[in-house]
């Protein structure tokens, strides 16, 4: 759109009868002004959420593929940025993105971007997210939001000061199967939950970003966060009374295998295991006083749930391109959730709240402390 003039006519029967001409740079401000006063409820639902993509890596590719499965009138990718301009241009060609930038600062300054997906490696989540927040952009930041809970708190505070939306990309929470589990728990379908078990094992010791400390490596941050967030969902965001962690470290100093026991009030317990040394069944179980809920495999991107022996399937839409990560077309669910939050003018998700992200990351902090893993970011 650039600086072109756009025609906006009869946007509100109650207060706007004249035809208005306005630059695209100012269009978003006008839209927000009117929506805040309930003058554009119908128009807001018809306006596409305009995405900017920070990074041209594997998760960015999968997120773009997932977005392409959603209605084009609802989601539009307008720009992508990478520190390597050539790579950004390649992704722009593959995914039909109008603009490619060779710096994140250029993306932050783009007036056509409503929300940015931050998919850089873990240590750069904080500076990248703060860059976009300070530019007034809404942000969906990949998990883990920060290298520690202190970084999460810094981002949350910045988002609140700038009055922009911020959410952590714990995509599991928005899968239809996860919504089903949450509904079952809300209805006490299996009685009172007493024990939860979740495991995630994937052979990742040959992947640099997973084992190099300066790249934010470690099983807890990469895959253990899914186990922790699952426990936080099942126990409804309750803080555990105690955290017990034990594990083994890689030669680089990051964790490669960790087991965590979270003890909750009322003698309830979550038992979690993650390892980068081997593949596990990757199942999760919720045991209650009146039954059980099972995710037989791939609990972090679930497509089936077994409740008291009865199985229900939640198939995903077919991806139009090859994906890097299992079931990552399911990233569409968190993307649509972000859109709905923005349409309602929310600054945080009512499902995956800022407090939820702080809790998940604080549990990861304590588990790391107990097994002996620290990063430079912990010393700030």
Protein backbone atom coordinates (compact mmCIF):
# COMPACT_ATOMS: atom_id res chain seq x y z
CA UNK A 1 0.00 0.00 0.00
CA UNK A 2 2.93 2.35 0.75
CA UNK A 3 1.75 5.94 0.82
CA UNK A 4 -1.16 5.37 -1.54
CA UNK A 5 -4.53 6.84 -0.68
CA UNK A 6 -7.35 4.46 0.17
CA UNK A 7 -11.07 5.20 0.10
CA UNK A 8 -13.09 4.38 3.17
CA UNK A 9 -16.79 5.10 2.84
CA UNK A 10 -19.91 4.74 5.01
CA UNK A 11 -18.01 2.91 7.72
CA UNK A 12 -20.58 3.68 10.40
CA UNK A 13 -24.27 4.37 9.96
CA UNK A 14 -24.32 5.99 13.39
CA UNK A 15 -21.58 8.55 12.95
CA UNK A 16 -19.83 8.39 9.59
CA UNK A 17 -21.85 9.16 6.48
CA UNK A 18 -19.21 11.05 4.54
CA UNK A 19 -16.52 9.46 2.42
CA UNK A 20 -13.08 9.73 4.01
CA UNK A 21 -9.70 9.70 2.25
CA UNK A 22 -6.71 8.70 4.36
CA UNK A 23 -3.14 7.50 3.87
CA UNK A 24 -2.40 3.85 4.63
CA UNK A 25 -0.01 4.95 7.36
CA UNK A 26 -2.92 6.54 9.21
CA UNK A 27 -5.54 3.96 8.32
CA UNK A 28 -4.64 1.62 11.15
CA UNK A 29 -4.81 4.43 13.71
CA UNK A 30 -8.26 5.46 12.47
CA UNK A 31 -9.45 1.86 12.53
CA UNK A 32 -8.29 1.43 16.14
CA UNK A 33 -9.86 4.77 17.13
CA UNK A 34 -13.23 3.77 15.74
CA UNK A 35 -13.14 0.19 16.97
CA UNK A 36 -12.38 1.40 20.47
CA UNK A 37 -15.67 3.26 20.38
CA UNK A 38 -17.62 0.33 18.88
CA UNK A 39 -18.18 2.16 15.60
CA UNK A 40 -16.69 -0.50 13.35
CA UNK A 41 -17.64 -3.95 14.64
CA UNK A 42 -18.61 -5.23 11.19
CA UNK A 43 -15.72 -3.64 9.29
CA UNK A 44 -13.12 -4.89 11.79
CA UNK A 45 -14.12 -8.49 11.17
CA UNK A 46 -13.63 -7.98 7.44
CA UNK A 47 -10.12 -6.50 7.68
CA UNK A 48 -7.28 -8.98 7.30
CA UNK A 49 -4.75 -9.28 10.11
CA UNK A 50 -1.48 -8.20 8.52
CA UNK A 51 1.48 -10.30 9.61
CA UNK A 52 5.16 -9.52 9.62
CA UNK A 53 7.59 -12.43 9.95
CA UNK A 54 10.81 -11.99 11.92
CA UNK A 55 13.31 -14.65 10.78
CA UNK A 56 13.55 -16.88 7.75
CA UNK A 57 14.13 -20.16 9.55
CA UNK A 58 12.33 -23.48 9.77
CA UNK A 59 9.65 -22.40 12.23
CA UNK A 60 8.96 -19.29 10.12
CA UNK A 61 8.42 -21.52 7.07
CA UNK A 62 5.99 -23.75 8.94
CA UNK A 63 4.14 -20.76 10.40
CA UNK A 64 3.77 -19.31 6.90
CA UNK A 65 2.44 -22.61 5.58
CA UNK A 66 -0.04 -22.74 8.46
CA UNK A 67 -1.19 -19.17 7.76
CA UNK A 68 -1.76 -20.09 4.11
CA UNK A 69 -4.41 -22.61 5.19
CA UNK A 70 -6.50 -19.85 6.76
CA UNK A 71 -8.86 -17.57 4.79
CA UNK A 72 -6.91 -14.94 2.84
CA UNK A 73 -9.46 -12.32 3.82
CA UNK A 74 -8.56 -12.94 7.49
CA UNK A 75 -4.78 -13.33 7.40
CA UNK A 76 -2.27 -11.63 5.12
CA UNK A 77 1.52 -11.78 5.32
CA UNK A 78 2.84 -8.41 4.18
CA UNK A 79 6.55 -8.57 5.03
CA UNK A 80 9.39 -10.81 6.16
CA UNK A 81 12.77 -9.88 7.64
CA UNK A 82 16.04 -11.73 8.07
CA UNK A 83 19.57 -10.60 8.84
CA UNK A 84 20.33 -12.21 5.48
CA UNK A 85 18.42 -10.22 2.86
CA UNK A 86 18.86 -12.98 0.29
CA UNK A 87 17.19 -15.48 2.57
CA UNK A 88 14.31 -13.10 3.26
CA UNK A 89 13.88 -12.59 -0.48
CA UNK A 90 13.88 -16.36 -1.04
CA UNK A 91 11.14 -16.85 1.56
CA UNK A 92 9.20 -13.94 0.07
CA UNK A 93 9.31 -15.67 -3.31
CA UNK A 94 8.32 -19.08 -1.95
CA UNK A 95 5.48 -17.74 0.18
CA UNK A 96 4.35 -14.87 -2.05
CA UNK A 97 5.18 -12.12 0.46
CA UNK A 98 5.21 -8.55 -0.97
CA UNK A 99 8.17 -7.17 1.01
CA UNK A 100 11.50 -8.58 2.19
CA UNK A 101 13.87 -6.80 4.54
CA UNK A 102 17.51 -7.39 5.48
CA UNK A 103 17.06 -6.11 9.03
CA UNK A 104 14.51 -6.49 11.80
CA UNK A 105 14.50 -2.71 12.29
CA UNK A 106 13.03 -2.23 8.81
CA UNK A 107 10.24 -4.67 9.63
CA UNK A 108 9.57 -2.82 12.89
CA UNK A 109 9.17 0.43 10.97
CA UNK A 110 6.76 -0.98 8.36
CA UNK A 111 3.40 0.80 8.89
CA UNK A 112 1.49 -1.99 7.13
CA UNK A 113 2.33 -4.62 9.79
CA UNK A 114 -0.24 -5.27 12.53
CA UNK A 115 1.49 -8.13 14.35
CA UNK A 116 4.91 -9.77 14.17
CA UNK A 117 5.71 -13.46 14.54
CA UNK A 118 9.13 -13.68 16.21
CA UNK A 119 10.82 -16.95 15.28
CA UNK A 120 14.50 -16.23 15.94
CA UNK A 121 16.58 -18.52 18.18
CA UNK A 122 16.01 -18.32 21.93
CA UNK A 123 18.66 -15.76 23.02
CA UNK A 124 17.28 -13.24 20.53
CA UNK A 125 13.66 -13.44 21.65
CA UNK A 126 14.11 -10.62 24.15
CA UNK A 127 15.88 -8.02 21.96
CA UNK A 128 13.76 -8.79 18.91
CA UNK A 129 10.48 -8.68 20.79
CA UNK A 130 11.43 -5.44 22.54
CA UNK A 131 12.35 -3.90 19.18
CA UNK A 132 8.88 -4.56 17.82
CA UNK A 133 7.10 -3.58 21.02
CA UNK A 134 8.92 -0.25 21.12
CA UNK A 135 7.81 0.31 17.53
CA UNK A 136 4.21 -0.22 18.62
CA UNK A 137 3.77 -3.65 17.05
CA UNK A 138 1.76 -6.53 18.47
CA UNK A 139 3.92 -9.62 18.96
CA UNK A 140 3.53 -13.40 18.90
CA UNK A 141 6.87 -14.67 20.24
CA UNK A 142 7.90 -18.29 19.82
CA UNK A 143 8.36 -20.42 22.90
CA UNK A 144 10.13 -20.15 25.24
CA UNK A 145 9.29 -16.47 25.35
CA UNK A 146 12.48 -15.73 27.25
CA UNK A 147 15.66 -17.43 28.34
CA UNK A 148 14.27 -17.07 31.85
CA UNK A 149 11.29 -15.67 33.72
CA UNK A 150 13.05 -12.32 34.20
CA UNK A 151 13.18 -11.82 30.44
CA UNK A 152 9.49 -12.69 30.18
CA UNK A 153 8.70 -10.09 32.84
CA UNK A 154 10.70 -7.47 30.93
CA UNK A 155 8.77 -8.13 27.72
CA UNK A 156 5.42 -8.12 29.49
CA UNK A 157 6.19 -4.82 31.20
CA UNK A 158 7.26 -3.26 27.89
CA UNK A 159 4.10 -4.49 26.14
CA UNK A 160 1.91 -3.04 28.88
CA UNK A 161 3.68 0.31 28.73
CA UNK A 162 3.28 0.51 24.96
CA UNK A 163 -0.26 -0.92 25.12
CA UNK A 164 0.36 -3.64 22.53
CA UNK A 165 -0.61 -7.30 22.39
CA UNK A 166 1.98 -9.91 23.44
CA UNK A 167 1.63 -13.69 23.55
CA UNK A 168 3.99 -16.64 23.84
CA UNK A 169 3.80 -19.17 21.02
CA UNK A 170 2.90 -22.22 23.10
CA UNK A 171 0.83 -23.48 20.20
CA UNK A 172 -0.21 -26.75 21.89
CA UNK A 173 -2.77 -24.90 23.97
CA UNK A 174 -4.87 -23.96 20.93
CA UNK A 175 -5.20 -27.35 19.26
CA UNK A 176 -8.79 -28.62 19.15
CA UNK A 177 -7.66 -31.68 21.13
CA UNK A 178 -6.25 -29.41 23.83
CA UNK A 179 -9.49 -27.44 23.91
CA UNK A 180 -11.35 -30.70 24.35
CA UNK A 181 -9.14 -31.69 27.27
CA UNK A 182 -9.60 -28.30 28.89
CA UNK A 183 -13.37 -28.62 28.49
CA UNK A 184 -13.37 -32.11 30.02
CA UNK A 185 -11.36 -30.91 32.99
CA UNK A 186 -13.64 -27.90 33.46
CA UNK A 187 -16.59 -30.30 33.65
CA UNK A 188 -14.75 -32.64 36.07
CA UNK A 189 -15.34 -35.45 33.59
CA UNK A 190 -12.66 -37.61 35.21
CA UNK A 191 -13.25 -36.36 38.74
CA UNK A 192 -10.47 -34.69 40.69
CA UNK A 193 -7.10 -34.92 38.95
CA UNK A 194 -4.52 -36.59 41.19
CA UNK A 195 -1.64 -37.48 38.88
CA UNK A 196 -0.37 -36.20 35.55
CA UNK A 197 2.40 -37.69 33.44
CA UNK A 198 3.95 -36.23 30.28
CA UNK A 199 7.07 -37.13 28.34
CA UNK A 200 8.90 -35.69 25.35
CA UNK A 201 11.91 -37.43 23.90
CA UNK A 202 13.51 -36.55 20.59
CA UNK A 203 17.07 -37.28 19.33
CA UNK A 204 18.48 -33.78 18.97
CA UNK A 205 22.12 -33.97 20.11
CA UNK A 206 23.39 -33.30 16.57
CA UNK A 207 21.42 -30.05 16.20
CA UNK A 208 23.62 -27.04 17.12
CA UNK A 209 20.81 -24.80 18.37
CA UNK A 210 19.77 -27.58 20.78
CA UNK A 211 23.17 -28.25 22.34
CA UNK A 212 25.13 -25.00 22.12
CA UNK A 213 24.69 -22.91 25.22
CA UNK A 214 25.24 -19.60 23.43
CA UNK A 215 22.39 -20.52 21.07
CA UNK A 216 20.02 -21.11 23.97
CA UNK A 217 20.23 -24.89 23.75
CA UNK A 218 18.99 -27.47 26.23
CA UNK A 219 16.16 -29.95 26.42
CA UNK A 220 14.16 -27.98 28.97
CA UNK A 221 13.92 -24.84 26.86
CA UNK A 222 13.37 -26.66 23.59
CA UNK A 223 10.99 -29.50 24.46
CA UNK A 224 10.63 -29.62 28.25
CA UNK A 225 8.59 -26.42 28.11
CA UNK A 226 5.80 -28.42 26.46
CA UNK A 227 5.66 -30.80 29.41
CA UNK A 228 5.59 -27.91 31.87
CA UNK A 229 2.92 -25.98 29.98
CA UNK A 230 0.77 -29.14 29.85
CA UNK A 231 0.95 -29.45 33.64
CA UNK A 232 0.12 -25.76 34.01
CA UNK A 233 -2.92 -26.21 31.76
CA UNK A 234 -4.20 -29.28 33.60
CA UNK A 235 -3.75 -27.68 37.02
CA UNK A 236 -5.29 -24.44 35.77
CA UNK A 237 -2.30 -22.16 36.24
CA UNK A 238 -1.77 -23.13 39.87
CA UNK A 239 1.73 -22.64 41.23
CA UNK A 240 3.22 -25.93 42.47
CA UNK A 241 4.10 -26.15 46.15
CA UNK A 242 7.44 -27.77 45.34
CA UNK A 243 9.62 -28.56 42.34
CA UNK A 244 12.03 -31.50 42.26
CA UNK A 245 14.31 -31.90 39.24
CA UNK A 246 17.08 -34.30 38.36
CA UNK A 247 18.95 -34.93 35.14
CA UNK A 248 22.09 -35.17 33.08
CA UNK A 249 24.09 -32.53 31.20
CA UNK A 250 25.63 -32.53 27.77
CA UNK A 251 29.35 -31.79 27.39
CA UNK A 252 28.41 -28.25 26.38
CA UNK A 253 26.75 -27.63 29.75
CA UNK A 254 23.13 -27.72 28.64
CA UNK A 255 20.67 -30.32 29.91
CA UNK A 256 20.07 -33.39 27.76
CA UNK A 257 17.76 -35.42 30.03
CA UNK A 258 15.64 -34.08 32.87
CA UNK A 259 12.79 -35.40 35.00
CA UNK A 260 10.66 -33.03 37.07
CA UNK A 261 8.15 -33.69 39.82
CA UNK A 262 5.72 -30.88 40.51
CA UNK A 263 3.84 -31.28 43.79
CA UNK A 264 0.58 -29.38 44.10
CA UNK A 265 -1.75 -28.71 46.99
CA UNK A 266 -4.05 -31.54 47.94
CA UNK A 267 -1.39 -34.17 47.26
CA UNK A 268 -1.62 -33.83 43.49
CA UNK A 269 1.42 -34.43 41.33
CA UNK A 270 2.81 -33.94 37.82
CA UNK A 271 5.66 -36.17 36.66
CA UNK A 272 7.46 -34.82 33.59
CA UNK A 273 10.39 -36.13 31.54
CA UNK A 274 12.23 -34.67 28.57
CA UNK A 275 15.31 -35.94 26.77
CA UNK A 276 17.28 -35.03 23.66
CA UNK A 277 19.01 -38.42 23.61
CA UNK A 278 16.29 -40.66 22.16
CA UNK A 279 12.73 -40.79 20.90
CA UNK A 280 10.07 -41.60 23.49
CA UNK A 281 6.39 -42.52 23.01
CA UNK A 282 5.70 -38.85 23.82
CA UNK A 283 2.40 -39.53 25.51
CA UNK A 284 0.57 -37.76 28.28
CA UNK A 285 -1.86 -39.08 30.88
CA UNK A 286 -4.24 -37.33 33.24
CA UNK A 287 -5.50 -39.54 36.04
CA UNK A 288 -8.56 -38.52 38.02
CA UNK A 289 -10.72 -40.03 40.74
CA UNK A 290 -13.37 -40.98 38.15
CA UNK A 291 -11.33 -41.88 35.09
CA UNK A 292 -8.49 -40.86 32.83
CA UNK A 293 -7.59 -38.80 29.77
CA UNK A 294 -4.82 -40.06 27.51
CA UNK A 295 -2.93 -38.55 24.61
CA UNK A 296 -1.34 -41.69 23.14
CA UNK A 297 1.42 -39.89 21.23
CA UNK A 298 2.79 -36.48 20.26
CA UNK A 299 1.01 -34.75 23.12
CA UNK A 300 2.50 -31.33 22.21
CA UNK A 301 0.65 -31.37 18.86
CA UNK A 302 -2.24 -33.76 19.62
CA UNK A 303 -4.67 -35.17 17.10
CA UNK A 304 -6.34 -37.80 19.30
CA UNK A 305 -7.65 -38.03 22.85
CA UNK A 306 -8.74 -41.17 24.70
CA UNK A 307 -11.23 -40.56 27.53
CA UNK A 308 -11.95 -43.56 29.72
CA UNK A 309 -11.01 -45.86 26.86
CA UNK A 310 -13.03 -44.03 24.19
CA UNK A 311 -10.98 -42.42 21.41
CA UNK A 312 -11.81 -39.18 19.63
CA UNK A 313 -9.82 -37.93 16.63
CA UNK A 314 -9.05 -34.31 15.77
CA UNK A 315 -7.58 -34.39 12.25
CA UNK A 316 -5.52 -31.48 10.98
CA UNK A 317 -5.98 -29.83 7.60
CA UNK A 318 -3.53 -31.02 4.93
CA UNK A 319 -0.53 -28.68 4.53
CA UNK A 320 -0.01 -27.26 1.03
CA UNK A 321 3.78 -27.44 1.40
CA UNK A 322 6.26 -29.72 3.13
CA UNK A 323 6.74 -28.95 6.83
CA UNK A 324 9.83 -29.12 9.02
CA UNK A 325 8.06 -29.99 12.27
CA UNK A 326 5.41 -32.58 13.06
CA UNK A 327 1.80 -31.36 12.76
CA UNK A 328 2.96 -27.75 12.53
CA UNK A 329 0.09 -26.88 10.23
CA UNK A 330 -1.63 -26.69 13.63
CA UNK A 331 0.12 -23.35 14.14
CA UNK A 332 -2.96 -22.00 12.38
CA UNK A 333 -4.93 -22.34 15.62
CA UNK A 334 -2.73 -19.97 17.60
CA UNK A 335 -2.59 -17.56 14.64
CA UNK A 336 -6.38 -17.40 14.49
CA UNK A 337 -6.50 -16.93 18.27
CA UNK A 338 -4.17 -13.95 17.93
CA UNK A 339 -6.45 -12.47 15.26
CA UNK A 340 -9.50 -12.84 17.50
CA UNK A 341 -7.65 -11.16 20.38
CA UNK A 342 -6.63 -8.25 18.15
CA UNK A 343 -10.18 -7.81 16.82
CA UNK A 344 -11.37 -7.52 20.41
CA UNK A 345 -8.67 -5.01 21.29
CA UNK A 346 -7.08 -7.33 23.86
CA UNK A 347 -3.47 -6.86 24.99
CA UNK A 348 -3.01 -10.41 26.21
CA UNK A 349 -4.63 -13.74 25.52
CA UNK A 350 -7.33 -14.76 28.01
CA UNK A 351 -6.19 -18.37 27.48
CA UNK A 352 -2.41 -18.07 27.44
CA UNK A 353 -2.01 -15.12 29.77
CA UNK A 354 1.15 -13.28 30.70
CA UNK A 355 0.93 -14.84 34.16
CA UNK A 356 0.75 -18.29 32.52
CA UNK A 357 3.97 -17.61 30.58
CA UNK A 358 5.71 -16.31 33.70
CA UNK A 359 4.68 -19.45 35.58
CA UNK A 360 5.93 -21.83 32.88
CA UNK A 361 9.25 -20.01 32.62
CA UNK A 362 9.71 -19.78 36.40
CA UNK A 363 9.28 -23.57 36.70
CA UNK A 364 11.85 -24.03 33.92
CA UNK A 365 14.20 -21.67 35.80
CA UNK A 366 14.01 -23.71 38.98
CA UNK A 367 14.43 -27.02 37.15
CA UNK A 368 17.52 -25.65 35.39
CA UNK A 369 18.91 -24.40 38.67
CA UNK A 370 18.55 -27.81 40.28
CA UNK A 371 20.24 -29.70 37.43
CA UNK A 372 22.99 -27.10 37.12
CA UNK A 373 22.28 -25.22 33.88
CA UNK A 374 22.79 -21.47 33.69
CA UNK A 375 23.06 -19.04 30.79
CA UNK A 376 24.68 -15.64 30.45
CA UNK A 377 21.17 -14.16 30.55
CA UNK A 378 20.71 -15.50 34.10
CA UNK A 379 23.53 -13.29 35.33
CA UNK A 380 22.04 -10.01 34.10
